[in-house]
C-alpha atoms as a PDB file:
ATOM      1  CA  GLN A   1      24.675  -6.072 -37.922  1.00  0.00           C
ATOM      2  CA  VAL A   2      28.317  -6.005 -38.828  1.00  0.00           C
ATOM      3  CA  GLN A   3      30.022  -4.966 -42.028  1.00  0.00           C
ATOM      4  CA  LEU A   4      33.248  -6.671 -43.082  1.00  0.00           C
ATOM      5  CA  VAL A   5      35.900  -5.315 -45.412  1.00  0.00           C
ATOM      6  CA  GLU A   6      38.849  -7.427 -46.528  1.00  0.00           C
ATOM      7  CA  SER A   7      42.124  -6.036 -47.786  1.00  0.00           C
ATOM      8  CA  GLY A   8      45.689  -7.115 -48.422  1.00  0.00           C
ATOM      9  CA  GLY A   9      45.301  -9.365 -51.433  1.00  0.00           C
ATOM     10  CA  GLY A  10      47.601  -9.213 -54.409  1.00  0.00           C
ATOM     11  CA  LEU A  11      49.786 -11.017 -56.910  1.00  0.00           C
ATOM     12  CA  VAL A  12      52.778 -12.836 -55.454  1.00  0.00           C
ATOM     13  CA  GLN A  13      55.168 -15.576 -56.457  1.00  0.00           C
ATOM     14  CA  ALA A  14      55.083 -19.039 -54.968  1.00  0.00           C
ATOM     15  CA  GLY A  15      56.782 -19.126 -51.605  1.00  0.00           C
ATOM     16  CA  ALA A  16      55.909 -15.550 -50.751  1.00  0.00           C
ATOM     17  CA  SER A  17      53.786 -14.277 -47.875  1.00  0.00           C
ATOM     18  CA  LEU A  18      50.719 -12.086 -47.611  1.00  0.00           C
ATOM     19  CA  ILE A  19      48.701 -10.723 -44.716  1.00  0.00           C
ATOM     20  CA  LEU A  20      44.985 -10.294 -45.282  1.00  0.00           C
ATOM     21  CA  SER A  21      42.950  -8.052 -43.018  1.00  0.00           C
ATOM     22  CA  CYS A  22      39.260  -8.145 -42.253  1.00  0.00           C
ATOM     23  CA  GLU A  23      38.000  -4.988 -40.589  1.00  0.00           C
ATOM     24  CA  ALA A  24      34.602  -5.015 -38.956  1.00  0.00           C
ATOM     25  CA  SER A  25      32.304  -2.062 -38.437  1.00  0.00           C
ATOM     26  CA  GLY A  26      28.839  -1.705 -37.019  1.00  0.00           C
ATOM     27  CA  ARG A  27      29.492  -4.024 -34.106  1.00  0.00           C
ATOM     28  CA  THR A  28      32.711  -5.151 -32.511  1.00  0.00           C
ATOM     29  CA  SER A  29      34.266  -8.185 -34.128  1.00  0.00           C
ATOM     30  CA  SER A  30      35.162  -9.558 -30.693  1.00  0.00           C
ATOM     31  CA  GLY A  31      31.549 -10.665 -30.354  1.00  0.00           C
ATOM     32  CA  TYR A  32      31.844 -13.009 -33.320  1.00  0.00           C
ATOM     33  CA  ALA A  33      33.656 -16.105 -34.387  1.00  0.00           C
ATOM     34  CA  MET A  34      35.409 -15.290 -37.643  1.00  0.00           C
ATOM     35  CA  GLY A  35      36.285 -17.517 -40.557  1.00  0.00           C
ATOM     36  CA  TRP A  36      38.246 -17.272 -43.779  1.00  0.00           C
ATOM     37  CA  PHE A  37      36.905 -18.885 -46.937  1.00  0.00           C
ATOM     38  CA  PRO A  38      38.711 -18.829 -50.261  1.00  0.00           C
ATOM     39  CA  LEU A  39      36.711 -19.252 -53.424  1.00  0.00           C
ATOM     40  CA  ALA A  40      38.505 -20.361 -56.568  1.00  0.00           C
ATOM     41  CA  PRO A  41      36.856 -20.596 -60.014  1.00  0.00           C
ATOM     42  CA  GLY A  42      34.910 -23.801 -60.357  1.00  0.00           C
ATOM     43  CA  ASN A  43      35.147 -24.586 -56.649  1.00  0.00           C
ATOM     44  CA  GLU A  44      32.955 -24.046 -53.646  1.00  0.00           C
ATOM     45  CA  ARG A  45      33.877 -21.855 -50.717  1.00  0.00           C
ATOM     46  CA  GLU A  46      36.081 -23.839 -48.377  1.00  0.00           C
ATOM     47  CA  PHE A  47      37.058 -23.209 -44.792  1.00  0.00           C
ATOM     48  CA  VAL A  48      40.773 -22.590 -44.357  1.00  0.00           C
ATOM     49  CA  GLY A  49      40.732 -21.238 -40.844  1.00  0.00           C
ATOM     50  CA  GLY A  50      38.849 -19.449 -38.127  1.00  0.00           C
ATOM     51  CA  ILE A  51      39.143 -17.819 -34.739  1.00  0.00           C
ATOM     52  CA  ASN A  52      36.659 -17.941 -31.897  1.00  0.00           C
ATOM     53  CA  ARG A  53      35.682 -15.247 -29.405  1.00  0.00           C
ATOM     54  CA  SER A  54      38.514 -16.155 -27.047  1.00  0.00           C
ATOM     55  CA  SER A  55      41.054 -16.221 -29.892  1.00  0.00           C
ATOM     56  CA  GLY A  56      41.246 -19.966 -30.185  1.00  0.00           C
ATOM     57  CA  THR A  57      41.998 -20.999 -33.760  1.00  0.00           C
ATOM     58  CA  ASP A  58      41.367 -23.871 -36.120  1.00  0.00           C
ATOM     59  CA  TYR A  59      42.790 -24.557 -39.561  1.00  0.00           C
ATOM     60  CA  ALA A  60      42.199 -26.799 -42.502  1.00  0.00           C
ATOM     61  CA  ASP A  61      44.857 -29.464 -42.943  1.00  0.00           C
ATOM     62  CA  SER A  62      45.893 -27.914 -46.262  1.00  0.00           C
ATOM     63  CA  VAL A  63      47.106 -24.739 -44.559  1.00  0.00           C
ATOM     64  CA  LYS A  64      48.274 -25.914 -41.137  1.00  0.00           C
ATOM     65  CA  GLY A  65      51.767 -24.639 -40.494  1.00  0.00           C
ATOM     66  CA  ARG A  66      51.476 -22.064 -43.288  1.00  0.00           C
ATOM     67  CA  PHE A  67      48.514 -19.857 -42.318  1.00  0.00           C
ATOM     68  CA  THR A  68      47.933 -18.091 -39.005  1.00  0.00           C
ATOM     69  CA  ILE A  69      44.822 -16.252 -37.904  1.00  0.00           C
ATOM     70  CA  SER A  70      44.832 -13.575 -35.239  1.00  0.00           C
ATOM     71  CA  ARG A  71      42.597 -10.786 -34.077  1.00  0.00           C
ATOM     72  CA  ASP A  72      43.119  -7.297 -32.698  1.00  0.00           C
ATOM     73  CA  ASN A  73      39.944  -6.425 -30.843  1.00  0.00           C
ATOM     74  CA  ALA A  74      41.062  -2.826 -30.308  1.00  0.00           C
ATOM     75  CA  LYS A  75      41.146  -2.426 -34.094  1.00  0.00           C
ATOM     76  CA  ASN A  76      38.114  -4.630 -34.766  1.00  0.00           C
ATOM     77  CA  THR A  77      40.282  -6.516 -37.209  1.00  0.00           C
ATOM     78  CA  VAL A  78      41.053 -10.152 -37.911  1.00  0.00           C
ATOM     79  CA  TYR A  79      44.177 -11.124 -39.825  1.00  0.00           C
ATOM     80  CA  LEU A  80      45.142 -14.052 -42.007  1.00  0.00           C
ATOM     81  CA  GLN A  81      48.904 -14.421 -42.252  1.00  0.00           C
ATOM     82  CA  MET A  82      49.701 -16.615 -45.246  1.00  0.00           C
ATOM     83  CA  ASN A  83      53.227 -17.970 -45.638  1.00  0.00           C
ATOM     84  CA  SER A  84      54.796 -20.301 -48.190  1.00  0.00           C
ATOM     85  CA  LEU A  85      52.028 -19.545 -50.648  1.00  0.00           C
ATOM     86  CA  LYS A  86      51.332 -22.030 -53.413  1.00  0.00           C
ATOM     87  CA  PRO A  87      49.633 -21.546 -56.789  1.00  0.00           C
ATOM     88  CA  GLU A  88      46.721 -23.639 -55.501  1.00  0.00           C
ATOM     89  CA  ASP A  89      46.100 -20.978 -52.837  1.00  0.00           C
ATOM     90  CA  THR A  90      44.932 -18.650 -55.624  1.00  0.00           C
ATOM     91  CA  ALA A  91      41.370 -17.552 -54.881  1.00  0.00           C
ATOM     92  CA  VAL A  92      39.177 -14.703 -53.731  1.00  0.00           C
ATOM     93  CA  TYR A  93      39.443 -14.772 -49.952  1.00  0.00           C
ATOM     94  CA  TYR A  94      36.344 -13.902 -47.966  1.00  0.00           C
ATOM     95  CA  CYS A  95      36.098 -13.320 -44.254  1.00  0.00           C
ATOM     96  CA  ALA A  96      32.867 -14.095 -42.471  1.00  0.00           C
ATOM     97  CA  ALA A  97      31.360 -13.562 -39.030  1.00  0.00           C
ATOM     98  CA  ASN A  98      29.332 -16.011 -36.980  1.00  0.00           C
ATOM     99  CA  SER A  99      27.159 -14.481 -34.273  1.00  0.00           C
ATOM    100  CA  TRP A 100      26.153 -17.555 -32.263  1.00  0.00           C
ATOM    101  CA  ALA A 101      29.103 -19.934 -31.897  1.00  0.00           C
ATOM    102  CA  TRP A 102      31.080 -19.771 -28.662  1.00  0.00           C
ATOM    103  CA  GLY A 103      33.960 -22.194 -28.151  1.00  0.00           C
ATOM    104  CA  ASN A 104      33.665 -24.015 -31.458  1.00  0.00           C
ATOM    105  CA  ILE A 105      34.615 -22.562 -34.820  1.00  0.00           C
ATOM    106  CA  PRO A 106      32.106 -23.493 -37.508  1.00  0.00           C
ATOM    107  CA  THR A 107      33.621 -24.741 -40.735  1.00  0.00           C
ATOM    108  CA  SER A 108      30.531 -24.590 -42.946  1.00  0.00           C
ATOM    109  CA  PRO A 109      29.939 -21.362 -44.876  1.00  0.00           C
ATOM    110  CA  THR A 110      26.236 -21.683 -44.082  1.00  0.00           C
ATOM    111  CA  SER A 111      27.027 -21.134 -40.394  1.00  0.00           C
ATOM    112  CA  TYR A 112      28.198 -17.581 -41.004  1.00  0.00           C
ATOM    113  CA  ASP A 113      25.865 -14.601 -40.911  1.00  0.00           C
ATOM    114  CA  TYR A 114      27.932 -11.825 -42.436  1.00  0.00           C
ATOM    115  CA  TRP A 115      30.401 -11.735 -45.317  1.00  0.00           C
ATOM    116  CA  GLY A 116      32.889  -9.304 -46.739  1.00  0.00           C
ATOM    117  CA  GLN A 117      33.308  -8.526 -50.420  1.00  0.00           C
ATOM    118  CA  GLY A 118      36.478 -10.592 -50.783  1.00  0.00           C
ATOM    119  CA  THR A 119      40.050  -9.854 -51.775  1.00  0.00           C
ATOM    120  CA  GLN A 120      41.882 -11.532 -54.644  1.00  0.00           C
ATOM    121  CA  VAL A 121      45.012 -13.543 -53.936  1.00  0.00           C
ATOM    122  CA  THR A 122      46.952 -14.767 -56.958  1.00  0.00           C
ATOM    123  CA  VAL A 123      50.042 -16.928 -56.554  1.00  0.00           C
ATOM    124  CA  SER A 124      52.185 -17.449 -59.632  1.00  0.00           C
ATOM    125  CA  SER A 125      54.473 -20.422 -60.088  1.00  0.00           C
END
């Protein structure tokens, strides 16, 4: 079992940056592939990026070049650096942990076993 807690959300203007954190407890996050899934009203959770156990990353086309995912295994924390934010990035951002994937990074929310409570990101125009 692993518990995930996101933090770092807030209200920013378009073009600004935010860093979201996802801290894991219970088991070390290094044993999991991690994903980030924003959920906006009226939409479904969508994959924006993930990091595998060896710190390889993958991103959705909509955020490539703007978002960067990293992990600090000593702190059991995964980060989502978001630059050049747009109003359409507004959502509750959830991090999730996958316990069985190795090299690949699953993009479907159903492939993730554990979820955090989410952190709100609001980007004003």
